[in-house]
Amino acid sequence: MTSTAARSSSAPVPARGAGRTAAQLCAWLYALMLLLPLYYLLVSSFKTNSQIFASPLSPPTSLSFGKFASAVSDARLDLASLNSLIVTVSSLVVVLLLALPASYALARAGGRAAALIERAFSLGFLIPTFAALVPTFLLAAQLDLFHTRTFVILFLPATSLPLAVVLLTQFMRTVPQEVEEAARMDGAGSLTILVRVYLPMVVPGVATVGILSFLTYWNEYLYSLVLIGPDQAQRTIQVAVPTLRSPLETDFGILAAGTVVTLLPVYVAYAFLQRRMEGAMIGSAVKI
């Protein structure tokens, strides 16, 4: 009987092993699907048009960086990257300055009013970004900020503020209230508690909001095109890259090289913040 029970208890092990193998296989296939377009862009950056169309996935025969240099010089991607960096970092600072105090207040407030305000922030997910294009355009014209980076820097945080407040509020609620009470007994004010107590304890949440907002701001195209315009002095990189297309004959190698240049800052930002973001996700899963 003992041997029979041992055999019955060990029977599901092969099934669990097969399920784990299938899950790993699916994960690798999904990773391959994500890497394939990046590989295509990268190898196309070293090919001519005829090589791209003849064998799109084959490795390049040479590793000359001339197409990258042409993409940067033709579309002034160096200046456009600087403009995008200014818009992205400035917008990120604005959204964090607004979201952190709001999240702290909502996390420690009670009653129906706080719940109603939090639901109001959640309603921001229901508003499509493009729905505000016309009123935003008219407002920029009325404020004499049309074709300037300043208005875009002030507008973009509004598009990600609902998500930032909702996420940071959940992270703020994980901080024990006893820590705040001890700080208040030592004479600390609300601003001091937020900066010196809460902020160090919710760094993973700030990193999560930071990378999500960075991706949104860096990849934004519609409002940058409409509000800033195609002026080389102020246009962002997402507006500059499509100018590499030509109505007569487009060098798709140069276009692919320009696209790769736009992706580099995203990977750099993710490389710095991925551990914090993954830690936040794992911590949330453990709490659940």
C-alpha atoms as a PDB file:
ATOM      1  CA  MET A   1       0.000   0.000   0.000  1.00  0.00           C
ATOM      2  CA  THR A   2       2.840   2.344   0.779  1.00  0.00           C
ATOM      3  CA  SER A   3       4.435   1.810  -2.633  1.00  0.00           C
ATOM      4  CA  THR A   4       1.074   2.295  -4.354  1.00  0.00           C
ATOM      5  CA  ALA A   5       0.535   5.591  -2.530  1.00  0.00           C
ATOM      6  CA  ALA A   6       4.046   6.709  -3.440  1.00  0.00           C
ATOM      7  CA  ARG A   7       3.423   5.901  -7.104  1.00  0.00           C
ATOM      8  CA  SER A   8       0.094   7.750  -7.088  1.00  0.00           C
ATOM      9  CA  SER A   9       1.624  10.812  -5.451  1.00  0.00           C
ATOM     10  CA  SER A  10       4.468  10.940  -7.959  1.00  0.00           C
ATOM     11  CA  ALA A  11       2.242  10.406 -11.009  1.00  0.00           C
ATOM     12  CA  PRO A  12       1.435  14.096 -11.649  1.00  0.00           C
ATOM     13  CA  VAL A  13       5.144  15.015 -11.752  1.00  0.00           C
ATOM     14  CA  PRO A  14       5.620  14.269 -15.480  1.00  0.00           C
ATOM     15  CA  ALA A  15       2.485  16.277 -16.236  1.00  0.00           C
ATOM     16  CA  ARG A  16       3.790  19.234 -14.259  1.00  0.00           C
ATOM     17  CA  GLY A  17       7.147  18.920 -16.008  1.00  0.00           C
ATOM     18  CA  ALA A  18       5.472  18.881 -19.429  1.00  0.00           C
ATOM     19  CA  GLY A  19       3.406  21.926 -18.514  1.00  0.00           C
ATOM     20  CA  ARG A  20       6.509  23.794 -17.375  1.00  0.00           C
ATOM     21  CA  THR A  21       8.310  22.910 -20.607  1.00  0.00           C
ATOM     22  CA  ALA A  22       5.354  24.079 -22.691  1.00  0.00           C
ATOM     23  CA  ALA A  23       5.216  27.353 -20.748  1.00  0.00           C
ATOM     24  CA  GLN A  24       8.935  27.944 -21.291  1.00  0.00           C
ATOM     25  CA  LEU A  25       8.571  27.155 -24.991  1.00  0.00           C
ATOM     26  CA  CYS A  26       5.721  29.657 -25.314  1.00  0.00           C
ATOM     27  CA  ALA A  27       7.781  32.274 -23.478  1.00  0.00           C
ATOM     28  CA  TRP A  28      10.726  31.785 -25.839  1.00  0.00           C
ATOM     29  CA  LEU A  29       8.450  31.942 -28.878  1.00  0.00           C
ATOM     30  CA  TYR A  30       6.924  35.182 -27.602  1.00  0.00           C
ATOM     31  CA  ALA A  31      10.386  36.623 -26.986  1.00  0.00           C
ATOM     32  CA  LEU A  32      11.365  35.644 -30.539  1.00  0.00           C
ATOM     33  CA  MET A  33       8.291  37.409 -31.919  1.00  0.00           C
ATOM     34  CA  LEU A  34       9.321  40.572 -30.058  1.00  0.00           C
ATOM     35  CA  LEU A  35      12.957  40.391 -31.151  1.00  0.00           C
ATOM     36  CA  LEU A  36      12.254  39.646 -34.815  1.00  0.00           C
ATOM     37  CA  PRO A  37      11.151  43.202 -35.784  1.00  0.00           C
ATOM     38  CA  LEU A  38      14.146  44.660 -33.901  1.00  0.00           C
ATOM     39  CA  TYR A  39      16.484  42.263 -35.703  1.00  0.00           C
ATOM     40  CA  TYR A  40      14.910  43.209 -39.036  1.00  0.00           C
ATOM     41  CA  LEU A  41      15.425  46.925 -38.376  1.00  0.00           C
ATOM     42  CA  LEU A  42      19.001  46.418 -37.239  1.00  0.00           C
ATOM     43  CA  VAL A  43      20.135  44.290 -40.199  1.00  0.00           C
ATOM     44  CA  SER A  44      18.264  46.541 -42.645  1.00  0.00           C
ATOM     45  CA  SER A  45      20.324  49.482 -41.386  1.00  0.00           C
ATOM     46  CA  PHE A  46      23.398  47.944 -43.070  1.00  0.00           C
ATOM     47  CA  LYS A  47      21.769  46.976 -46.388  1.00  0.00           C
ATOM     48  CA  THR A  48      20.777  48.577 -49.663  1.00  0.00           C
ATOM     49  CA  ASN A  49      17.183  48.568 -50.880  1.00  0.00           C
ATOM     50  CA  SER A  50      17.821  45.649 -53.220  1.00  0.00           C
ATOM     51  CA  GLN A  51      19.379  43.580 -50.415  1.00  0.00           C
ATOM     52  CA  ILE A  52      16.453  44.364 -48.072  1.00  0.00           C
ATOM     53  CA  PHE A  53      13.846  43.239 -50.600  1.00  0.00           C
ATOM     54  CA  ALA A  54      15.834  40.220 -51.794  1.00  0.00           C
ATOM     55  CA  SER A  55      16.661  38.751 -48.366  1.00  0.00           C
ATOM     56  CA  PRO A  56      15.080  40.802 -45.558  1.00  0.00           C
ATOM     57  CA  LEU A  57      16.215  38.567 -42.668  1.00  0.00           C
ATOM     58  CA  SER A  58      19.688  37.600 -43.836  1.00  0.00           C
ATOM     59  CA  PRO A  59      22.711  39.089 -42.026  1.00  0.00           C
ATOM     60  CA  PRO A  60      24.338  42.111 -43.679  1.00  0.00           C
ATOM     61  CA  THR A  61      27.431  41.625 -45.790  1.00  0.00           C
ATOM     62  CA  SER A  62      29.165  44.683 -44.294  1.00  0.00           C
ATOM     63  CA  LEU A  63      28.928  46.666 -41.065  1.00  0.00           C
ATOM     64  CA  SER A  64      29.323  50.213 -42.350  1.00  0.00           C
ATOM     65  CA  PHE A  65      27.639  52.836 -40.177  1.00  0.00           C
ATOM     66  CA  GLY A  66      27.202  55.246 -43.081  1.00  0.00           C
ATOM     67  CA  LYS A  67      23.420  54.923 -43.073  1.00  0.00           C
ATOM     68  CA  PHE A  68      23.267  55.895 -39.399  1.00  0.00           C
ATOM     69  CA  ALA A  69      25.357  58.973 -40.152  1.00  0.00           C
ATOM     70  CA  SER A  70      23.125  59.810 -43.123  1.00  0.00           C
ATOM     71  CA  ALA A  71      19.971  59.427 -41.021  1.00  0.00           C
ATOM     72  CA  VAL A  72      21.319  61.727 -38.315  1.00  0.00           C
ATOM     73  CA  SER A  73      22.494  64.385 -40.772  1.00  0.00           C
ATOM     74  CA  ASP A  74      19.524  64.270 -43.178  1.00  0.00           C
ATOM     75  CA  ALA A  75      16.801  64.520 -40.514  1.00  0.00           C
ATOM     76  CA  ARG A  76      18.932  66.260 -37.855  1.00  0.00           C
ATOM     77  CA  LEU A  77      18.194  63.440 -35.444  1.00  0.00           C
ATOM     78  CA  ASP A  78      20.804  64.786 -33.046  1.00  0.00           C
ATOM     79  CA  LEU A  79      18.826  67.993 -32.532  1.00  0.00           C
ATOM     80  CA  ALA A  80      15.508  66.119 -32.592  1.00  0.00           C
ATOM     81  CA  SER A  81      16.780  63.691 -29.927  1.00  0.00           C
ATOM     82  CA  LEU A  82      17.745  66.632 -27.719  1.00  0.00           C
ATOM     83  CA  ASN A  83      14.293  68.149 -28.164  1.00  0.00           C
ATOM     84  CA  SER A  84      12.622  64.841 -27.321  1.00  0.00           C
ATOM     85  CA  LEU A  85      14.836  64.462 -24.264  1.00  0.00           C
ATOM     86  CA  ILE A  86      13.914  67.961 -23.058  1.00  0.00           C
ATOM     87  CA  VAL A  87      10.202  67.319 -23.562  1.00  0.00           C
ATOM     88  CA  THR A  88      10.321  63.843 -22.009  1.00  0.00           C
ATOM     89  CA  VAL A  89      12.376  64.680 -18.917  1.00  0.00           C
ATOM     90  CA  SER A  90      10.533  67.947 -18.252  1.00  0.00           C
ATOM     91  CA  SER A  91       7.134  66.251 -18.595  1.00  0.00           C
ATOM     92  CA  LEU A  92       8.281  63.422 -16.337  1.00  0.00           C
ATOM     93  CA  VAL A  93       9.358  65.882 -13.642  1.00  0.00           C
ATOM     94  CA  VAL A  94       6.010  67.685 -13.862  1.00  0.00           C
ATOM     95  CA  VAL A  95       3.935  64.507 -13.588  1.00  0.00           C
ATOM     96  CA  LEU A  96       5.909  63.266 -10.568  1.00  0.00           C
ATOM     97  CA  LEU A  97       5.648  66.652  -8.827  1.00  0.00           C
ATOM     98  CA  LEU A  98       1.874  66.485  -9.275  1.00  0.00           C
ATOM     99  CA  ALA A  99       1.291  62.767  -8.720  1.00  0.00           C
ATOM    100  CA  LEU A 100       3.367  62.224  -5.559  1.00  0.00           C
ATOM    101  CA  PRO A 101       1.527  64.728  -3.310  1.00  0.00           C
ATOM    102  CA  ALA A 102      -1.845  63.706  -4.735  1.00  0.00           C
ATOM    103  CA  SER A 103      -1.110  60.012  -4.147  1.00  0.00           C
ATOM    104  CA  TYR A 104       0.091  60.680  -0.597  1.00  0.00           C
ATOM    105  CA  ALA A 105      -3.080  62.621   0.195  1.00  0.00           C
ATOM    106  CA  LEU A 106      -5.354  59.941  -1.272  1.00  0.00           C
ATOM    107  CA  ALA A 107      -3.478  57.103   0.426  1.00  0.00           C
ATOM    108  CA  ARG A 108      -3.890  58.617   3.889  1.00  0.00           C
ATOM    109  CA  ALA A 109      -7.311  60.209   3.423  1.00  0.00           C
ATOM    110  CA  GLY A 110     -10.496  58.424   4.334  1.00  0.00           C
ATOM    111  CA  GLY A 111     -14.178  58.838   3.674  1.00  0.00           C
ATOM    112  CA  ARG A 112     -16.333  59.103   0.610  1.00  0.00           C
ATOM    113  CA  ALA A 113     -14.706  62.281  -0.678  1.00  0.00           C
ATOM    114  CA  ALA A 114     -11.303  60.601  -1.042  1.00  0.00           C
ATOM    115  CA  ALA A 115     -12.869  57.567  -2.725  1.00  0.00           C
ATOM    116  CA  LEU A 116     -14.748  59.832  -5.098  1.00  0.00           C
ATOM    117  CA  ILE A 117     -11.583  61.753  -6.015  1.00  0.00           C
ATOM    118  CA  GLU A 118      -9.703  58.517  -6.623  1.00  0.00           C
ATOM    119  CA  ARG A 119     -12.496  57.284  -8.915  1.00  0.00           C
ATOM    120  CA  ALA A 120     -12.354  60.620 -10.743  1.00  0.00           C
ATOM    121  CA  PHE A 121      -8.674  60.004 -11.484  1.00  0.00           C
ATOM    122  CA  SER A 122      -9.550  56.496 -12.677  1.00  0.00           C
ATOM    123  CA  LEU A 123     -12.022  57.968 -15.152  1.00  0.00           C
ATOM    124  CA  GLY A 124      -9.053  59.479 -16.953  1.00  0.00           C
ATOM    125  CA  PHE A 125      -8.414  56.055 -18.503  1.00  0.00           C
ATOM    126  CA  LEU A 126     -11.708  56.349 -20.401  1.00  0.00           C
ATOM    127  CA  ILE A 127     -10.756  59.529 -22.267  1.00  0.00           C
ATOM    128  CA  PRO A 128      -8.937  58.843 -25.558  1.00  0.00           C
ATOM    129  CA  THR A 129      -5.871  61.019 -25.991  1.00  0.00           C
ATOM    130  CA  PHE A 130      -6.811  62.133 -29.498  1.00  0.00           C
ATOM    131  CA  ALA A 131     -10.233  63.328 -28.257  1.00  0.00           C
ATOM    132  CA  ALA A 132      -8.575  66.395 -26.710  1.00  0.00           C
ATOM    133  CA  LEU A 133      -6.683  67.381 -29.859  1.00  0.00           C
ATOM    134  CA  VAL A 134      -8.972  70.172 -31.095  1.00  0.00           C
ATOM    135  CA  PRO A 135      -9.523  71.909 -27.713  1.00  0.00           C
ATOM    136  CA  THR A 136      -5.807  71.568 -26.954  1.00  0.00           C
ATOM    137  CA  PHE A 137      -4.960  73.147 -30.297  1.00  0.00           C
ATOM    138  CA  LEU A 138      -7.320  76.064 -29.617  1.00  0.00           C
ATOM    139  CA  LEU A 139      -5.960  76.525 -26.102  1.00  0.00           C
ATOM    140  CA  ALA A 140      -2.374  76.615 -27.373  1.00  0.00           C
ATOM    141  CA  ALA A 141      -3.343  79.263 -29.921  1.00  0.00           C
ATOM    142  CA  GLN A 142      -5.125  81.369 -27.285  1.00  0.00           C
ATOM    143  CA  LEU A 143      -2.131  81.229 -24.945  1.00  0.00           C
ATOM    144  CA  ASP A 144       0.264  82.119 -27.759  1.00  0.00           C
ATOM    145  CA  LEU A 145       2.177  78.883 -27.128  1.00  0.00           C
ATOM    146  CA  PHE A 146       1.528  77.301 -30.511  1.00  0.00           C
ATOM    147  CA  HIS A 147       4.600  75.716 -32.166  1.00  0.00           C
ATOM    148  CA  THR A 148       6.516  75.679 -28.878  1.00  0.00           C
ATOM    149  CA  ARG A 149       7.849  72.877 -26.709  1.00  0.00           C
ATOM    150  CA  THR A 150       6.544  74.607 -23.590  1.00  0.00           C
ATOM    151  CA  PHE A 151       2.894  73.789 -24.208  1.00  0.00           C
ATOM    152  CA  VAL A 152       3.662  70.146 -24.991  1.00  0.00           C
ATOM    153  CA  ILE A 153       5.633  69.889 -21.733  1.00  0.00           C
ATOM    154  CA  LEU A 154       2.613  71.236 -19.862  1.00  0.00           C
ATOM    155  CA  PHE A 155       0.113  69.056 -21.727  1.00  0.00           C
ATOM    156  CA  LEU A 156       1.760  65.611 -21.793  1.00  0.00           C
ATOM    157  CA  PRO A 157       1.686  65.098 -17.985  1.00  0.00           C
ATOM    158  CA  ALA A 158      -2.105  65.417 -18.110  1.00  0.00           C
ATOM    159  CA  THR A 159      -2.267  62.336 -20.340  1.00  0.00           C
ATOM    160  CA  SER A 160      -0.440  60.094 -17.843  1.00  0.00           C
ATOM    161  CA  LEU A 161      -1.449  61.718 -14.550  1.00  0.00           C
ATOM    162  CA  PRO A 162      -4.449  59.377 -13.926  1.00  0.00           C
ATOM    163  CA  LEU A 163      -2.288  56.259 -14.233  1.00  0.00           C
ATOM    164  CA  ALA A 164       0.501  57.793 -12.138  1.00  0.00           C
ATOM    165  CA  VAL A 165      -1.852  58.792  -9.311  1.00  0.00           C
ATOM    166  CA  VAL A 166      -3.675  55.442  -9.239  1.00  0.00           C
ATOM    167  CA  LEU A 167      -0.439  53.414  -9.218  1.00  0.00           C
ATOM    168  CA  LEU A 168       1.385  55.560  -6.673  1.00  0.00           C
ATOM    169  CA  THR A 169      -1.648  55.624  -4.368  1.00  0.00           C
ATOM    170  CA  GLN A 170      -1.542  51.826  -4.136  1.00  0.00           C
ATOM    171  CA  PHE A 171       2.165  51.904  -3.328  1.00  0.00           C
ATOM    172  CA  MET A 172       1.663  54.640  -0.719  1.00  0.00           C
ATOM    173  CA  ARG A 173      -0.936  52.487   1.047  1.00  0.00           C
ATOM    174  CA  THR A 174       1.643  49.756   1.624  1.00  0.00           C
ATOM    175  CA  VAL A 175       3.647  52.076   3.923  1.00  0.00           C
ATOM    176  CA  PRO A 176       2.722  51.349   7.577  1.00  0.00           C
ATOM    177  CA  GLN A 177       0.863  54.237   9.155  1.00  0.00           C
ATOM    178  CA  GLU A 178       2.925  53.758  12.334  1.00  0.00           C
ATOM    179  CA  VAL A 179       5.980  55.036  10.467  1.00  0.00           C
ATOM    180  CA  GLU A 180       4.192  58.286   9.666  1.00  0.00           C
ATOM    181  CA  GLU A 181       2.944  58.630  13.230  1.00  0.00           C
ATOM    182  CA  ALA A 182       6.481  58.196  14.578  1.00  0.00           C
ATOM    183  CA  ALA A 183       7.746  60.876  12.192  1.00  0.00           C
ATOM    184  CA  ARG A 184       5.013  63.280  13.272  1.00  0.00           C
ATOM    185  CA  MET A 185       5.909  62.710  16.911  1.00  0.00           C
ATOM    186  CA  ASP A 186       9.424  63.844  16.016  1.00  0.00           C
ATOM    187  CA  GLY A 187       7.975  67.071  14.637  1.00  0.00           C
ATOM    188  CA  ALA A 188       8.072  66.277  10.913  1.00  0.00           C
ATOM    189  CA  GLY A 189       5.557  68.009   8.662  1.00  0.00           C
ATOM    190  CA  SER A 190       3.605  66.493   5.777  1.00  0.00           C
ATOM    191  CA  LEU A 191       6.130  67.554   3.130  1.00  0.00           C
ATOM    192  CA  THR A 192       9.033  66.170   5.146  1.00  0.00           C
ATOM    193  CA  ILE A 193       7.201  62.887   5.698  1.00  0.00           C
ATOM    194  CA  LEU A 194       6.451  62.600   1.987  1.00  0.00           C
ATOM    195  CA  VAL A 195      10.048  63.279   0.907  1.00  0.00           C
ATOM    196  CA  ARG A 196      11.995  61.487   3.654  1.00  0.00           C
ATOM    197  CA  VAL A 197       9.656  58.670   4.686  1.00  0.00           C
ATOM    198  CA  TYR A 198       7.307  57.769   1.837  1.00  0.00           C
ATOM    199  CA  LEU A 199       9.462  58.520  -1.181  1.00  0.00           C
ATOM    200  CA  PRO A 200      12.338  56.135  -0.245  1.00  0.00           C
ATOM    201  CA  MET A 201       9.812  53.376   0.486  1.00  0.00           C
ATOM    202  CA  VAL A 202       7.915  53.700  -2.814  1.00  0.00           C
ATOM    203  CA  VAL A 203      10.918  53.962  -5.142  1.00  0.00           C
ATOM    204  CA  PRO A 204       9.784  50.851  -7.112  1.00  0.00           C
ATOM    205  CA  GLY A 205       6.440  52.545  -7.741  1.00  0.00           C
ATOM    206  CA  VAL A 206       8.151  55.751  -8.834  1.00  0.00           C
ATOM    207  CA  ALA A 207      10.372  53.717 -11.172  1.00  0.00           C
ATOM    208  CA  THR A 208       7.306  52.004 -12.642  1.00  0.00           C
ATOM    209  CA  VAL A 209       5.548  55.316 -13.249  1.00  0.00           C
ATOM    210  CA  GLY A 210       8.791  56.769 -14.578  1.00  0.00           C
ATOM    211  CA  ILE A 211       9.410  54.144 -17.237  1.00  0.00           C
ATOM    212  CA  LEU A 212       5.760  54.010 -18.343  1.00  0.00           C
ATOM    213  CA  SER A 213       5.633  57.804 -18.612  1.00  0.00           C
ATOM    214  CA  PHE A 214       9.007  57.893 -20.369  1.00  0.00           C
ATOM    215  CA  LEU A 215       7.764  55.476 -23.022  1.00  0.00           C
ATOM    216  CA  THR A 216       4.577  57.510 -23.495  1.00  0.00           C
ATOM    217  CA  TYR A 217       6.337  60.858 -23.801  1.00  0.00           C
ATOM    218  CA  TRP A 218       9.220  59.672 -25.959  1.00  0.00           C
ATOM    219  CA  ASN A 219       6.970  57.861 -28.444  1.00  0.00           C
ATOM    220  CA  GLU A 220       4.326  60.615 -28.627  1.00  0.00           C
ATOM    221  CA  TYR A 221       3.775  61.720 -32.217  1.00  0.00           C
ATOM    222  CA  LEU A 222       0.356  63.288 -32.827  1.00  0.00           C
ATOM    223  CA  TYR A 223       0.509  66.209 -30.389  1.00  0.00           C
ATOM    224  CA  SER A 224       4.165  66.854 -31.106  1.00  0.00           C
ATOM    225  CA  LEU A 225       3.370  67.094 -34.826  1.00  0.00           C
ATOM    226  CA  VAL A 226       0.359  69.379 -34.339  1.00  0.00           C
ATOM    227  CA  LEU A 227       1.537  71.584 -31.466  1.00  0.00           C
ATOM    228  CA  ILE A 228       5.266  71.818 -32.198  1.00  0.00           C
ATOM    229  CA  GLY A 229       5.184  71.344 -35.946  1.00  0.00           C
ATOM    230  CA  PRO A 230       7.878  70.268 -38.401  1.00  0.00           C
ATOM    231  CA  ASP A 231      10.328  73.071 -37.510  1.00  0.00           C
ATOM    232  CA  GLN A 232      13.804  71.516 -37.280  1.00  0.00           C
ATOM    233  CA  ALA A 233      14.731  73.690 -34.297  1.00  0.00           C
ATOM    234  CA  GLN A 234      11.976  72.279 -32.042  1.00  0.00           C
ATOM    235  CA  ARG A 235      10.534  69.102 -33.561  1.00  0.00           C
ATOM    236  CA  THR A 236      10.872  65.838 -31.664  1.00  0.00           C
ATOM    237  CA  ILE A 237      12.542  62.698 -32.949  1.00  0.00           C
ATOM    238  CA  GLN A 238       9.243  60.949 -33.695  1.00  0.00           C
ATOM    239  CA  VAL A 239       8.332  63.802 -36.036  1.00  0.00           C
ATOM    240  CA  ALA A 240      11.812  63.937 -37.573  1.00  0.00           C
ATOM    241  CA  VAL A 241      12.189  60.262 -38.529  1.00  0.00           C
ATOM    242  CA  PRO A 242       9.290  60.186 -41.074  1.00  0.00           C
ATOM    243  CA  THR A 243      11.021  62.991 -43.013  1.00  0.00           C
ATOM    244  CA  LEU A 244      13.599  60.384 -44.101  1.00  0.00           C
ATOM    245  CA  ARG A 245      10.988  59.084 -46.527  1.00  0.00           C
ATOM    246  CA  SER A 246      11.129  60.535 -50.006  1.00  0.00           C
ATOM    247  CA  PRO A 247       8.245  60.785 -52.490  1.00  0.00           C
ATOM    248  CA  LEU A 248      10.680  59.798 -55.262  1.00  0.00           C
ATOM    249  CA  GLU A 249      12.909  57.071 -53.855  1.00  0.00           C
ATOM    250  CA  THR A 250      13.231  56.147 -50.185  1.00  0.00           C
ATOM    251  CA  ASP A 251      16.409  54.583 -48.863  1.00  0.00           C
ATOM    252  CA  PHE A 252      14.869  52.076 -46.472  1.00  0.00           C
ATOM    253  CA  GLY A 253      18.250  51.350 -44.928  1.00  0.00           C
ATOM    254  CA  ILE A 254      18.540  54.966 -43.789  1.00  0.00           C
ATOM    255  CA  LEU A 255      14.931  54.894 -42.601  1.00  0.00           C
ATOM    256  CA  ALA A 256      15.612  51.725 -40.581  1.00  0.00           C
ATOM    257  CA  ALA A 257      18.765  53.288 -39.119  1.00  0.00           C
ATOM    258  CA  GLY A 258      16.781  56.333 -38.028  1.00  0.00           C
ATOM    259  CA  THR A 259      14.186  54.089 -36.389  1.00  0.00           C
ATOM    260  CA  VAL A 260      16.929  52.252 -34.489  1.00  0.00           C
ATOM    261  CA  VAL A 261      18.232  55.598 -33.209  1.00  0.00           C
ATOM    262  CA  THR A 262      14.784  56.386 -31.779  1.00  0.00           C
ATOM    263  CA  LEU A 263      14.738  53.050 -29.913  1.00  0.00           C
ATOM    264  CA  LEU A 264      18.100  53.414 -28.174  1.00  0.00           C
ATOM    265  CA  PRO A 265      17.018  55.840 -25.385  1.00  0.00           C
ATOM    266  CA  VAL A 266      14.070  53.568 -24.541  1.00  0.00           C
ATOM    267  CA  TYR A 267      16.371  50.592 -23.982  1.00  0.00           C
ATOM    268  CA  VAL A 268      18.816  52.701 -21.972  1.00  0.00           C
ATOM    269  CA  ALA A 269      16.003  53.936 -19.710  1.00  0.00           C
ATOM    270  CA  TYR A 270      14.648  50.425 -19.262  1.00  0.00           C
ATOM    271  CA  ALA A 271      18.114  49.057 -18.482  1.00  0.00           C
ATOM    272  CA  PHE A 272      18.439  51.514 -15.585  1.00  0.00           C
ATOM    273  CA  LEU A 273      14.915  51.063 -14.210  1.00  0.00           C
ATOM    274  CA  GLN A 274      14.061  47.431 -14.969  1.00  0.00           C
ATOM    275  CA  ARG A 275      15.149  46.062 -11.569  1.00  0.00           C
ATOM    276  CA  ARG A 276      13.033  48.582  -9.701  1.00  0.00           C
ATOM    277  CA  MET A 277      10.064  47.920 -11.944  1.00  0.00           C
ATOM    278  CA  GLU A 278      10.382  44.136 -11.714  1.00  0.00           C
ATOM    279  CA  GLY A 279      10.778  44.422  -7.941  1.00  0.00           C
ATOM    280  CA  ALA A 280       7.570  46.445  -7.773  1.00  0.00           C
ATOM    281  CA  MET A 281       5.685  43.827  -9.789  1.00  0.00           C
ATOM    282  CA  ILE A 282       7.018  40.936  -7.703  1.00  0.00           C
ATOM    283  CA  GLY A 283       6.232  42.808  -4.483  1.00  0.00           C
ATOM    284  CA  SER A 284       2.679  43.471  -5.635  1.00  0.00           C
ATOM    285  CA  ALA A 285       2.219  39.808  -6.549  1.00  0.00           C
ATOM    286  CA  VAL A 286       3.462  38.705  -3.109  1.00  0.00           C
ATOM    287  CA  LYS A 287       1.061  41.085  -1.356  1.00  0.00           C
ATOM    288  CA  ILE A 288      -1.839  39.768  -3.420  1.00  0.00           C
END
